[in-house]
Amino acid sequence: MSAAPVPVGVVGVGHLGRHHARLYASLPGATLVAVADHDLDRAKKIAAEYGCEAFRDASELVGRVTAASIATPTIAHRAAAETLLAGGADVLIEKPIAPSLDDADAILEAARRADRLVMVGHTERFNPAMVALARAVDAPQFVEIHRLAAFSARSTDVDVILDLMIHDLDLLLWFDGTEPRSVDAVGVAALTDKIDIANARIRFASGCVANVTASRISAEGLRRIRVFQSRTYLGCDTGERKVERFRLVIGSDKKPAIQHELLPVDDGEPLGLELAAFLHAVQTRTPPPIDGLAGRRALELACRVREAISSSGPA
């Protein structure tokens, strides 16, 4: 027998939150009960579109939902999460988990007290191209990542490290699995009063070295990852959902040759796959694939990148 649909809500229905609402309304494992937004007119518009109630504040969802997405600006994550967790709801918090480690720790403690689940929305882990790449990654030695985006005013409450680079910091922690030993970084505040372009070089305990660049002032978008490991090079373009593998093979004539192949990439909308994974965790009471500790770990590495930029002085 399939589990009953989960009564869910969404806090913050701006650019990203409205897609949470759209997908919850279509997923068989969920019943979209309510949305909340500080802009009540916006909440009412989304609620009318998907046939649910509209409220202004997260507190008004308490008692109505058993799970909720938090897609507010990062600065408001802690307050919304503490309110919902204390009210008995499991939460999916859009990345980053919080603007500071203190706030992240407060969220984790609230979840522990309430015995509720926290998942963090590092959606790139659900990108089918990234899933295909992760299957092929084995003891990476060098990783190079470029994540470039055009300027958008909607995410300027945080710097590019928390806005974009944190996606890739989470992926590196996922791929490697060991602790970051050293971080060197530079960054520039070009269009805003926060860092808009940054580069970090991270060395892990495994010996793997990663070079990561993130920019939100690019003329065109780019999301590309290159992984070098023993006798293998992997290239992934998550925008095009293309994953290539080049391997050194020894032929029957004992001569080395390069074998090139395109790895199979499944279909699916990353956010929809993420929400389905969250609902499964809620229904089965099992740990979500990206729990609060994983979200904190990515935030901690992001903070180390910030500190390295601060200590390096002007680029």
C-alpha atoms as a PDB file:
ATOM      1  CA  MET A   1       0.000   0.000   0.000  1.00  0.00           C
ATOM      2  CA  SER A   2       1.392   3.410  -0.962  1.00  0.00           C
ATOM      3  CA  ALA A   3       1.850   6.032   1.736  1.00  0.00           C
ATOM      4  CA  ALA A   4      -0.721   8.784   2.084  1.00  0.00           C
ATOM      5  CA  PRO A   5       0.201  12.106   0.457  1.00  0.00           C
ATOM      6  CA  VAL A   6       2.120  14.472   2.733  1.00  0.00           C
ATOM      7  CA  PRO A   7       0.391  17.790   3.572  1.00  0.00           C
ATOM      8  CA  VAL A   8       3.046  20.312   2.514  1.00  0.00           C
ATOM      9  CA  GLY A   9       3.594  24.048   2.412  1.00  0.00           C
ATOM     10  CA  VAL A  10       6.087  26.491   0.913  1.00  0.00           C
ATOM     11  CA  VAL A  11       7.503  29.508   2.723  1.00  0.00           C
ATOM     12  CA  GLY A  12       8.703  32.091   0.232  1.00  0.00           C
ATOM     13  CA  VAL A  13       7.156  31.857  -3.232  1.00  0.00           C
ATOM     14  CA  GLY A  14       9.405  34.151  -5.207  1.00  0.00           C
ATOM     15  CA  HIS A  15      11.618  33.067  -8.113  1.00  0.00           C
ATOM     16  CA  LEU A  16      12.429  29.610  -6.721  1.00  0.00           C
ATOM     17  CA  GLY A  17       9.677  28.975  -4.185  1.00  0.00           C
ATOM     18  CA  ARG A  18       6.939  29.181  -6.789  1.00  0.00           C
ATOM     19  CA  HIS A  19       8.538  26.183  -8.521  1.00  0.00           C
ATOM     20  CA  HIS A  20       8.432  24.274  -5.234  1.00  0.00           C
ATOM     21  CA  ALA A  21       4.702  25.033  -5.130  1.00  0.00           C
ATOM     22  CA  ARG A  22       4.229  23.998  -8.764  1.00  0.00           C
ATOM     23  CA  LEU A  23       5.979  20.679  -8.274  1.00  0.00           C
ATOM     24  CA  TYR A  24       4.339  19.830  -4.947  1.00  0.00           C
ATOM     25  CA  ALA A  25       0.970  20.422  -6.610  1.00  0.00           C
ATOM     26  CA  SER A  26       1.868  17.821  -9.239  1.00  0.00           C
ATOM     27  CA  LEU A  27       3.659  15.186  -7.165  1.00  0.00           C
ATOM     28  CA  PRO A  28       1.517  12.195  -6.107  1.00  0.00           C
ATOM     29  CA  GLY A  29       3.303  12.032  -2.724  1.00  0.00           C
ATOM     30  CA  ALA A  30       2.224  15.536  -1.710  1.00  0.00           C
ATOM     31  CA  THR A  31      -0.852  17.641  -1.115  1.00  0.00           C
ATOM     32  CA  LEU A  32      -0.044  21.348  -1.351  1.00  0.00           C
ATOM     33  CA  VAL A  33      -1.974  22.842   1.557  1.00  0.00           C
ATOM     34  CA  ALA A  34      -0.616  26.379   1.863  1.00  0.00           C
ATOM     35  CA  VAL A  35       2.017  28.890   0.825  1.00  0.00           C
ATOM     36  CA  ALA A  36       3.353  31.849   2.782  1.00  0.00           C
ATOM     37  CA  ASP A  37       5.203  34.953   1.681  1.00  0.00           C
ATOM     38  CA  HIS A  38       5.877  38.377   3.206  1.00  0.00           C
ATOM     39  CA  ASP A  39       4.237  39.700   0.033  1.00  0.00           C
ATOM     40  CA  LEU A  40       0.715  38.443   0.702  1.00  0.00           C
ATOM     41  CA  ASP A  41      -0.518  39.385  -2.764  1.00  0.00           C
ATOM     42  CA  ARG A  42       2.166  37.182  -4.284  1.00  0.00           C
ATOM     43  CA  ALA A  43       1.214  34.339  -1.948  1.00  0.00           C
ATOM     44  CA  LYS A  44      -2.445  34.715  -2.927  1.00  0.00           C
ATOM     45  CA  LYS A  45      -1.577  34.621  -6.623  1.00  0.00           C
ATOM     46  CA  ILE A  46       0.378  31.379  -6.249  1.00  0.00           C
ATOM     47  CA  ALA A  47      -2.305  29.898  -3.970  1.00  0.00           C
ATOM     48  CA  ALA A  48      -5.010  30.659  -6.521  1.00  0.00           C
ATOM     49  CA  GLU A  49      -2.968  29.019  -9.251  1.00  0.00           C
ATOM     50  CA  TYR A  50      -2.502  25.768  -7.330  1.00  0.00           C
ATOM     51  CA  GLY A  51      -5.648  25.636  -5.218  1.00  0.00           C
ATOM     52  CA  CYS A  52      -4.298  26.119  -1.704  1.00  0.00           C
ATOM     53  CA  GLU A  53      -4.382  28.685   1.131  1.00  0.00           C
ATOM     54  CA  ALA A  54      -2.209  31.801   1.304  1.00  0.00           C
ATOM     55  CA  PHE A  55      -0.567  33.337   4.366  1.00  0.00           C
ATOM     56  CA  ARG A  56       2.020  35.950   5.185  1.00  0.00           C
ATOM     57  CA  ASP A  57       4.148  34.107   7.769  1.00  0.00           C
ATOM     58  CA  ALA A  58       5.598  30.635   8.374  1.00  0.00           C
ATOM     59  CA  SER A  59       3.889  30.485  11.768  1.00  0.00           C
ATOM     60  CA  GLU A  60       0.511  30.323  10.017  1.00  0.00           C
ATOM     61  CA  LEU A  61       1.482  26.995   8.427  1.00  0.00           C
ATOM     62  CA  VAL A  62       1.996  25.340  11.815  1.00  0.00           C
ATOM     63  CA  GLY A  63      -0.670  22.704  12.401  1.00  0.00           C
ATOM     64  CA  ARG A  64      -1.637  22.745   8.734  1.00  0.00           C
ATOM     65  CA  VAL A  65       1.389  20.981   7.217  1.00  0.00           C
ATOM     66  CA  THR A  66       3.670  18.122   8.206  1.00  0.00           C
ATOM     67  CA  ALA A  67       6.459  19.166   5.831  1.00  0.00           C
ATOM     68  CA  ALA A  68       7.494  22.407   4.165  1.00  0.00           C
ATOM     69  CA  SER A  69      10.023  23.962   1.821  1.00  0.00           C
ATOM     70  CA  ILE A  70      11.761  27.147   2.937  1.00  0.00           C
ATOM     71  CA  ALA A  71      12.696  29.258  -0.094  1.00  0.00           C
ATOM     72  CA  THR A  72      12.956  32.672   1.536  1.00  0.00           C
ATOM     73  CA  PRO A  73      16.041  34.888   1.316  1.00  0.00           C
ATOM     74  CA  THR A  74      18.881  33.182   3.204  1.00  0.00           C
ATOM     75  CA  ILE A  75      18.779  35.642   6.098  1.00  0.00           C
ATOM     76  CA  ALA A  76      15.259  34.420   6.969  1.00  0.00           C
ATOM     77  CA  HIS A  77      16.001  30.663   6.894  1.00  0.00           C
ATOM     78  CA  ARG A  78      16.645  30.278  10.617  1.00  0.00           C
ATOM     79  CA  ALA A  79      13.459  31.968  11.819  1.00  0.00           C
ATOM     80  CA  ALA A  80      11.250  30.033   9.412  1.00  0.00           C
ATOM     81  CA  ALA A  81      12.968  26.718  10.139  1.00  0.00           C
ATOM     82  CA  GLU A  82      12.818  27.103  13.923  1.00  0.00           C
ATOM     83  CA  THR A  83       9.117  27.997  13.740  1.00  0.00           C
ATOM     84  CA  LEU A  84       8.187  25.051  11.518  1.00  0.00           C
ATOM     85  CA  LEU A  85      10.372  22.500  13.298  1.00  0.00           C
ATOM     86  CA  ALA A  86       8.999  23.490  16.691  1.00  0.00           C
ATOM     87  CA  GLY A  87       5.526  23.131  15.195  1.00  0.00           C
ATOM     88  CA  GLY A  88       6.209  19.528  14.210  1.00  0.00           C
ATOM     89  CA  ALA A  89       7.027  19.894  10.510  1.00  0.00           C
ATOM     90  CA  ASP A  90       9.984  18.455   8.605  1.00  0.00           C
ATOM     91  CA  VAL A  91      11.735  21.058   6.459  1.00  0.00           C
ATOM     92  CA  LEU A  92      13.562  21.317   3.162  1.00  0.00           C
ATOM     93  CA  ILE A  93      15.708  24.454   3.271  1.00  0.00           C
ATOM     94  CA  GLU A  94      16.995  25.923   0.035  1.00  0.00           C
ATOM     95  CA  LYS A  95      20.772  26.270  -0.110  1.00  0.00           C
ATOM     96  CA  PRO A  96      22.647  27.591   1.713  1.00  0.00           C
ATOM     97  CA  ILE A  97      21.226  26.201   4.937  1.00  0.00           C
ATOM     98  CA  ALA A  98      21.822  29.573   6.643  1.00  0.00           C
ATOM     99  CA  PRO A  99      23.933  32.726   6.340  1.00  0.00           C
ATOM    100  CA  SER A 100      26.192  31.735   9.261  1.00  0.00           C
ATOM    101  CA  LEU A 101      27.357  28.640  11.115  1.00  0.00           C
ATOM    102  CA  ASP A 102      25.652  29.895  14.278  1.00  0.00           C
ATOM    103  CA  ASP A 103      22.332  30.020  12.455  1.00  0.00           C
ATOM    104  CA  ALA A 104      22.945  26.585  10.925  1.00  0.00           C
ATOM    105  CA  ASP A 105      23.701  25.135  14.358  1.00  0.00           C
ATOM    106  CA  ALA A 106      20.518  26.680  15.747  1.00  0.00           C
ATOM    107  CA  ILE A 107      18.496  25.009  12.986  1.00  0.00           C
ATOM    108  CA  LEU A 108      20.113  21.650  13.645  1.00  0.00           C
ATOM    109  CA  GLU A 109      19.465  21.968  17.367  1.00  0.00           C
ATOM    110  CA  ALA A 110      15.816  22.877  16.714  1.00  0.00           C
ATOM    111  CA  ALA A 111      15.493  19.747  14.555  1.00  0.00           C
ATOM    112  CA  ARG A 112      17.079  17.608  17.273  1.00  0.00           C
ATOM    113  CA  ARG A 113      14.736  18.958  19.944  1.00  0.00           C
ATOM    114  CA  ALA A 114      11.669  18.428  17.796  1.00  0.00           C
ATOM    115  CA  ASP A 115      12.866  15.103  16.356  1.00  0.00           C
ATOM    116  CA  ARG A 116      12.192  16.389  12.851  1.00  0.00           C
ATOM    117  CA  LEU A 117      14.053  16.021   9.542  1.00  0.00           C
ATOM    118  CA  VAL A 118      16.083  18.731   7.830  1.00  0.00           C
ATOM    119  CA  MET A 119      17.086  18.458   4.183  1.00  0.00           C
ATOM    120  CA  VAL A 120      19.104  21.105   2.363  1.00  0.00           C
ATOM    121  CA  GLY A 121      18.345  21.948  -1.258  1.00  0.00           C
ATOM    122  CA  HIS A 122      21.660  21.389  -3.001  1.00  0.00           C
ATOM    123  CA  THR A 123      19.748  20.690  -6.185  1.00  0.00           C
ATOM    124  CA  GLU A 124      22.799  20.026  -8.359  1.00  0.00           C
ATOM    125  CA  ARG A 125      23.137  16.597  -6.753  1.00  0.00           C
ATOM    126  CA  PHE A 126      19.852  15.720  -8.460  1.00  0.00           C
ATOM    127  CA  ASN A 127      20.846  17.028 -11.882  1.00  0.00           C
ATOM    128  CA  PRO A 128      20.798  13.875 -14.054  1.00  0.00           C
ATOM    129  CA  ALA A 129      24.128  14.857 -15.618  1.00  0.00           C
ATOM    130  CA  MET A 130      25.664  15.225 -12.172  1.00  0.00           C
ATOM    131  CA  VAL A 131      24.274  11.851 -11.127  1.00  0.00           C
ATOM    132  CA  ALA A 132      25.883  10.277 -14.215  1.00  0.00           C
ATOM    133  CA  LEU A 133      29.178  12.014 -13.427  1.00  0.00           C
ATOM    134  CA  ALA A 134      29.111  10.936  -9.769  1.00  0.00           C
ATOM    135  CA  ARG A 135      28.707   7.297 -10.806  1.00  0.00           C
ATOM    136  CA  ALA A 136      31.953   7.545 -12.788  1.00  0.00           C
ATOM    137  CA  VAL A 137      34.008   9.478 -10.218  1.00  0.00           C
ATOM    138  CA  ASP A 138      36.482   7.271  -8.372  1.00  0.00           C
ATOM    139  CA  ALA A 139      39.302   8.765  -6.246  1.00  0.00           C
ATOM    140  CA  PRO A 140      39.558  12.111  -8.065  1.00  0.00           C
ATOM    141  CA  GLN A 141      43.017  13.688  -8.166  1.00  0.00           C
ATOM    142  CA  PHE A 142      42.226  17.089  -9.659  1.00  0.00           C
ATOM    143  CA  VAL A 143      38.867  18.795 -10.181  1.00  0.00           C
ATOM    144  CA  GLU A 144      38.216  22.030 -12.049  1.00  0.00           C
ATOM    145  CA  ILE A 145      34.817  23.724 -11.880  1.00  0.00           C
ATOM    146  CA  HIS A 146      33.458  26.855 -13.557  1.00  0.00           C
ATOM    147  CA  ARG A 147      30.021  28.188 -12.625  1.00  0.00           C
ATOM    148  CA  LEU A 148      29.314  31.483 -14.362  1.00  0.00           C
ATOM    149  CA  ALA A 149      26.006  33.328 -14.492  1.00  0.00           C
ATOM    150  CA  ALA A 150      24.665  36.648 -15.708  1.00  0.00           C
ATOM    151  CA  PHE A 151      23.953  39.287 -13.093  1.00  0.00           C
ATOM    152  CA  SER A 152      20.613  39.045 -11.294  1.00  0.00           C
ATOM    153  CA  ALA A 153      19.421  41.346  -8.533  1.00  0.00           C
ATOM    154  CA  ARG A 154      17.423  38.596  -6.820  1.00  0.00           C
ATOM    155  CA  SER A 155      20.340  36.942  -4.958  1.00  0.00           C
ATOM    156  CA  THR A 156      22.369  39.924  -3.851  1.00  0.00           C
ATOM    157  CA  ASP A 157      21.483  39.364  -0.191  1.00  0.00           C
ATOM    158  CA  VAL A 158      24.483  37.003  -0.177  1.00  0.00           C
ATOM    159  CA  ASP A 159      27.833  36.965  -1.981  1.00  0.00           C
ATOM    160  CA  VAL A 160      28.670  34.743  -4.937  1.00  0.00           C
ATOM    161  CA  ILE A 161      30.188  32.154  -2.603  1.00  0.00           C
ATOM    162  CA  LEU A 162      26.858  31.454  -0.902  1.00  0.00           C
ATOM    163  CA  ASP A 163      24.864  32.182  -4.045  1.00  0.00           C
ATOM    164  CA  LEU A 164      26.679  30.010  -6.614  1.00  0.00           C
ATOM    165  CA  MET A 165      29.979  28.533  -5.451  1.00  0.00           C
ATOM    166  CA  ILE A 166      28.370  26.647  -2.569  1.00  0.00           C
ATOM    167  CA  HIS A 167      26.781  24.308  -5.139  1.00  0.00           C
ATOM    168  CA  ASP A 168      30.245  23.190  -6.165  1.00  0.00           C
ATOM    169  CA  LEU A 169      31.693  23.115  -2.666  1.00  0.00           C
ATOM    170  CA  ASP A 170      28.933  20.643  -1.770  1.00  0.00           C
ATOM    171  CA  LEU A 171      29.705  18.585  -4.879  1.00  0.00           C
ATOM    172  CA  LEU A 172      33.407  18.453  -3.998  1.00  0.00           C
ATOM    173  CA  LEU A 173      32.627  17.242  -0.482  1.00  0.00           C
ATOM    174  CA  TRP A 174      30.302  14.634  -2.023  1.00  0.00           C
ATOM    175  CA  PHE A 175      32.861  13.449  -4.592  1.00  0.00           C
ATOM    176  CA  ASP A 176      35.893  13.342  -2.324  1.00  0.00           C
ATOM    177  CA  GLY A 177      34.538  12.471   1.114  1.00  0.00           C
ATOM    178  CA  THR A 178      37.625  13.641   3.032  1.00  0.00           C
ATOM    179  CA  GLU A 179      38.233  16.849   4.944  1.00  0.00           C
ATOM    180  CA  PRO A 180      39.510  20.008   3.232  1.00  0.00           C
ATOM    181  CA  ARG A 181      43.084  20.562   4.463  1.00  0.00           C
ATOM    182  CA  SER A 182      43.828  23.977   2.933  1.00  0.00           C
ATOM    183  CA  VAL A 183      41.942  26.755   1.155  1.00  0.00           C
ATOM    184  CA  ASP A 184      43.431  29.629  -0.871  1.00  0.00           C
ATOM    185  CA  ALA A 185      41.066  32.075  -2.526  1.00  0.00           C
ATOM    186  CA  VAL A 186      40.657  35.484  -4.125  1.00  0.00           C
ATOM    187  CA  GLY A 187      37.496  37.451  -4.827  1.00  0.00           C
ATOM    188  CA  VAL A 188      36.234  40.793  -6.080  1.00  0.00           C
ATOM    189  CA  ALA A 189      33.155  42.899  -5.358  1.00  0.00           C
ATOM    190  CA  ALA A 190      32.594  44.293  -8.842  1.00  0.00           C
ATOM    191  CA  LEU A 191      28.910  45.246  -9.199  1.00  0.00           C
ATOM    192  CA  THR A 192      27.621  44.990  -5.631  1.00  0.00           C
ATOM    193  CA  ASP A 193      29.019  45.547  -2.148  1.00  0.00           C
ATOM    194  CA  LYS A 194      29.572  41.785  -1.822  1.00  0.00           C
ATOM    195  CA  ILE A 195      31.966  39.441  -3.633  1.00  0.00           C
ATOM    196  CA  ASP A 196      30.675  38.879  -7.175  1.00  0.00           C
ATOM    197  CA  ILE A 197      33.474  36.729  -8.604  1.00  0.00           C
ATOM    198  CA  ALA A 198      35.680  34.314  -6.696  1.00  0.00           C
ATOM    199  CA  ASN A 199      38.249  31.607  -7.246  1.00  0.00           C
ATOM    200  CA  ALA A 200      39.303  29.022  -4.670  1.00  0.00           C
ATOM    201  CA  ARG A 201      41.960  26.329  -4.624  1.00  0.00           C
ATOM    202  CA  ILE A 202      41.132  23.586  -2.140  1.00  0.00           C
ATOM    203  CA  ARG A 203      43.323  20.663  -1.114  1.00  0.00           C
ATOM    204  CA  PHE A 204      41.646  17.657   0.517  1.00  0.00           C
ATOM    205  CA  ALA A 205      43.081  15.109   2.932  1.00  0.00           C
ATOM    206  CA  SER A 206      42.920  12.524   0.129  1.00  0.00           C
ATOM    207  CA  GLY A 207      45.392  14.569  -1.894  1.00  0.00           C
ATOM    208  CA  CYS A 208      42.753  15.744  -4.357  1.00  0.00           C
ATOM    209  CA  VAL A 209      43.110  19.379  -5.422  1.00  0.00           C
ATOM    210  CA  ALA A 210      40.164  21.419  -6.691  1.00  0.00           C
ATOM    211  CA  ASN A 211      40.153  24.731  -8.524  1.00  0.00           C
ATOM    212  CA  VAL A 212      36.709  26.389  -8.361  1.00  0.00           C
ATOM    213  CA  THR A 213      35.569  29.598 -10.057  1.00  0.00           C
ATOM    214  CA  ALA A 214      32.180  31.237  -9.570  1.00  0.00           C
ATOM    215  CA  SER A 215      30.939  34.470 -11.099  1.00  0.00           C
ATOM    216  CA  ARG A 216      27.564  36.218 -11.215  1.00  0.00           C
ATOM    217  CA  ILE A 217      28.744  38.917 -13.607  1.00  0.00           C
ATOM    218  CA  SER A 218      29.385  36.796 -16.686  1.00  0.00           C
ATOM    219  CA  ALA A 219      28.113  37.681 -20.147  1.00  0.00           C
ATOM    220  CA  GLU A 220      26.897  34.097 -20.566  1.00  0.00           C
ATOM    221  CA  GLY A 221      26.135  31.139 -18.362  1.00  0.00           C
ATOM    222  CA  LEU A 222      28.507  28.222 -17.930  1.00  0.00           C
ATOM    223  CA  ARG A 223      28.329  25.170 -15.649  1.00  0.00           C
ATOM    224  CA  ARG A 224      31.224  22.860 -16.371  1.00  0.00           C
ATOM    225  CA  ILE A 225      33.129  20.316 -14.300  1.00  0.00           C
ATOM    226  CA  ARG A 226      36.320  18.483 -15.223  1.00  0.00           C
ATOM    227  CA  VAL A 227      37.538  15.542 -13.134  1.00  0.00           C
ATOM    228  CA  PHE A 228      40.938  13.923 -13.524  1.00  0.00           C
ATOM    229  CA  GLN A 229      41.595  10.543 -11.919  1.00  0.00           C
ATOM    230  CA  SER A 230      43.764   7.525 -12.619  1.00  0.00           C
ATOM    231  CA  ARG A 231      43.895   7.007 -16.394  1.00  0.00           C
ATOM    232  CA  THR A 232      40.570   8.821 -16.776  1.00  0.00           C
ATOM    233  CA  TYR A 233      39.303  12.304 -17.627  1.00  0.00           C
ATOM    234  CA  LEU A 234      35.633  13.164 -17.108  1.00  0.00           C
ATOM    235  CA  GLY A 235      33.945  16.261 -18.509  1.00  0.00           C
ATOM    236  CA  CYS A 236      30.455  17.347 -17.483  1.00  0.00           C
ATOM    237  CA  ASP A 237      28.340  20.227 -18.740  1.00  0.00           C
ATOM    238  CA  THR A 238      25.297  20.324 -16.474  1.00  0.00           C
ATOM    239  CA  GLY A 239      23.580  22.944 -18.611  1.00  0.00           C
ATOM    240  CA  GLU A 240      23.738  20.737 -21.698  1.00  0.00           C
ATOM    241  CA  ARG A 241      23.388  17.557 -19.582  1.00  0.00           C
ATOM    242  CA  LYS A 242      26.375  16.030 -21.319  1.00  0.00           C
ATOM    243  CA  VAL A 243      28.973  13.788 -19.659  1.00  0.00           C
ATOM    244  CA  GLU A 244      32.059  12.562 -21.520  1.00  0.00           C
ATOM    245  CA  ARG A 245      34.665  10.050 -20.393  1.00  0.00           C
ATOM    246  CA  PHE A 246      38.140   9.619 -21.858  1.00  0.00           C
ATOM    247  CA  ARG A 247      40.074   6.561 -20.650  1.00  0.00           C
ATOM    248  CA  LEU A 248      43.516   5.169 -21.347  1.00  0.00           C
ATOM    249  CA  VAL A 249      43.118   1.561 -22.435  1.00  0.00           C
ATOM    250  CA  ILE A 250      45.606  -1.061 -23.561  1.00  0.00           C
ATOM    251  CA  GLY A 251      44.603  -2.797 -26.765  1.00  0.00           C
ATOM    252  CA  SER A 252      45.163  -6.383 -27.812  1.00  0.00           C
ATOM    253  CA  ASP A 253      48.325  -5.183 -29.572  1.00  0.00           C
ATOM    254  CA  LYS A 254      49.618  -3.958 -26.175  1.00  0.00           C
ATOM    255  CA  LYS A 255      49.537  -0.353 -27.394  1.00  0.00           C
ATOM    256  CA  PRO A 256      47.858   2.384 -25.316  1.00  0.00           C
ATOM    257  CA  ALA A 257      44.896   4.235 -26.799  1.00  0.00           C
ATOM    258  CA  ILE A 258      42.317   6.786 -25.671  1.00  0.00           C
ATOM    259  CA  GLN A 259      38.743   5.508 -25.467  1.00  0.00           C
ATOM    260  CA  HIS A 260      36.033   8.182 -25.655  1.00  0.00           C
ATOM    261  CA  GLU A 261      32.410   7.654 -24.687  1.00  0.00           C
ATOM    262  CA  LEU A 262      29.319   9.628 -23.824  1.00  0.00           C
ATOM    263  CA  LEU A 263      27.839   8.448 -20.535  1.00  0.00           C
ATOM    264  CA  PRO A 264      24.068   7.871 -20.390  1.00  0.00           C
ATOM    265  CA  VAL A 265      22.134  10.690 -18.716  1.00  0.00           C
ATOM    266  CA  ASP A 266      18.607  10.123 -17.433  1.00  0.00           C
ATOM    267  CA  ASP A 267      15.693  12.512 -17.832  1.00  0.00           C
ATOM    268  CA  GLY A 268      14.097  14.442 -14.993  1.00  0.00           C
ATOM    269  CA  GLU A 269      13.769  17.910 -13.518  1.00  0.00           C
ATOM    270  CA  PRO A 270      16.383  18.259 -10.728  1.00  0.00           C
ATOM    271  CA  LEU A 271      14.077  20.141  -8.364  1.00  0.00           C
ATOM    272  CA  GLY A 272      11.285  17.640  -8.873  1.00  0.00           C
ATOM    273  CA  LEU A 273      13.665  14.764  -8.119  1.00  0.00           C
ATOM    274  CA  GLU A 274      14.852  16.612  -5.013  1.00  0.00           C
ATOM    275  CA  LEU A 275      11.330  17.181  -3.706  1.00  0.00           C
ATOM    276  CA  ALA A 276      10.429  13.546  -4.361  1.00  0.00           C
ATOM    277  CA  ALA A 277      13.474  12.475  -2.313  1.00  0.00           C
ATOM    278  CA  PHE A 278      12.421  14.794   0.505  1.00  0.00           C
ATOM    279  CA  LEU A 279       8.882  13.402   0.516  1.00  0.00           C
ATOM    280  CA  HIS A 280      10.245   9.850   0.601  1.00  0.00           C
ATOM    281  CA  ALA A 281      12.340  10.707   3.673  1.00  0.00           C
ATOM    282  CA  VAL A 282       9.306  12.281   5.349  1.00  0.00           C
ATOM    283  CA  GLN A 283       7.075   9.297   4.622  1.00  0.00           C
ATOM    284  CA  THR A 284       9.609   6.620   5.596  1.00  0.00           C
ATOM    285  CA  ARG A 285      11.244   8.563   8.469  1.00  0.00           C
ATOM    286  CA  THR A 286      14.665   7.856   6.945  1.00  0.00           C
ATOM    287  CA  PRO A 287      17.578  10.321   6.671  1.00  0.00           C
ATOM    288  CA  PRO A 288      17.269  12.567   3.609  1.00  0.00           C
ATOM    289  CA  PRO A 289      20.031  12.332   0.989  1.00  0.00           C
ATOM    290  CA  ILE A 290      21.396  15.790   1.889  1.00  0.00           C
ATOM    291  CA  ASP A 291      20.755  16.257   5.575  1.00  0.00           C
ATOM    292  CA  GLY A 292      21.353  19.288   7.753  1.00  0.00           C
ATOM    293  CA  LEU A 293      24.880  18.213   8.628  1.00  0.00           C
ATOM    294  CA  ALA A 294      25.784  17.999   4.926  1.00  0.00           C
ATOM    295  CA  GLY A 295      24.344  21.486   4.436  1.00  0.00           C
ATOM    296  CA  ARG A 296      26.379  22.763   7.383  1.00  0.00           C
ATOM    297  CA  ARG A 297      29.530  21.153   6.021  1.00  0.00           C
ATOM    298  CA  ALA A 298      29.123  22.951   2.695  1.00  0.00           C
ATOM    299  CA  LEU A 299      28.490  26.227   4.540  1.00  0.00           C
ATOM    300  CA  GLU A 300      31.581  25.701   6.680  1.00  0.00           C
ATOM    301  CA  LEU A 301      33.743  25.276   3.573  1.00  0.00           C
ATOM    302  CA  ALA A 302      32.126  28.381   2.060  1.00  0.00           C
ATOM    303  CA  CYS A 303      33.068  30.305   5.211  1.00  0.00           C
ATOM    304  CA  ARG A 304      36.650  29.102   4.856  1.00  0.00           C
ATOM    305  CA  VAL A 305      36.693  30.402   1.272  1.00  0.00           C
ATOM    306  CA  ARG A 306      35.431  33.768   2.520  1.00  0.00           C
ATOM    307  CA  GLU A 307      38.097  33.875   5.224  1.00  0.00           C
ATOM    308  CA  ALA A 308      40.800  33.029   2.684  1.00  0.00           C
ATOM    309  CA  ILE A 309      39.621  35.864   0.440  1.00  0.00           C
ATOM    310  CA  SER A 310      39.615  38.266   3.384  1.00  0.00           C
ATOM    311  CA  SER A 311      43.162  37.305   4.366  1.00  0.00           C
ATOM    312  CA  SER A 312      44.448  37.479   0.783  1.00  0.00           C
ATOM    313  CA  GLY A 313      43.562  41.168   0.440  1.00  0.00           C
ATOM    314  CA  PRO A 314      42.520  42.824  -2.853  1.00  0.00           C
ATOM    315  CA  ALA A 315      42.872  40.549  -5.883  1.00  0.00           C
END
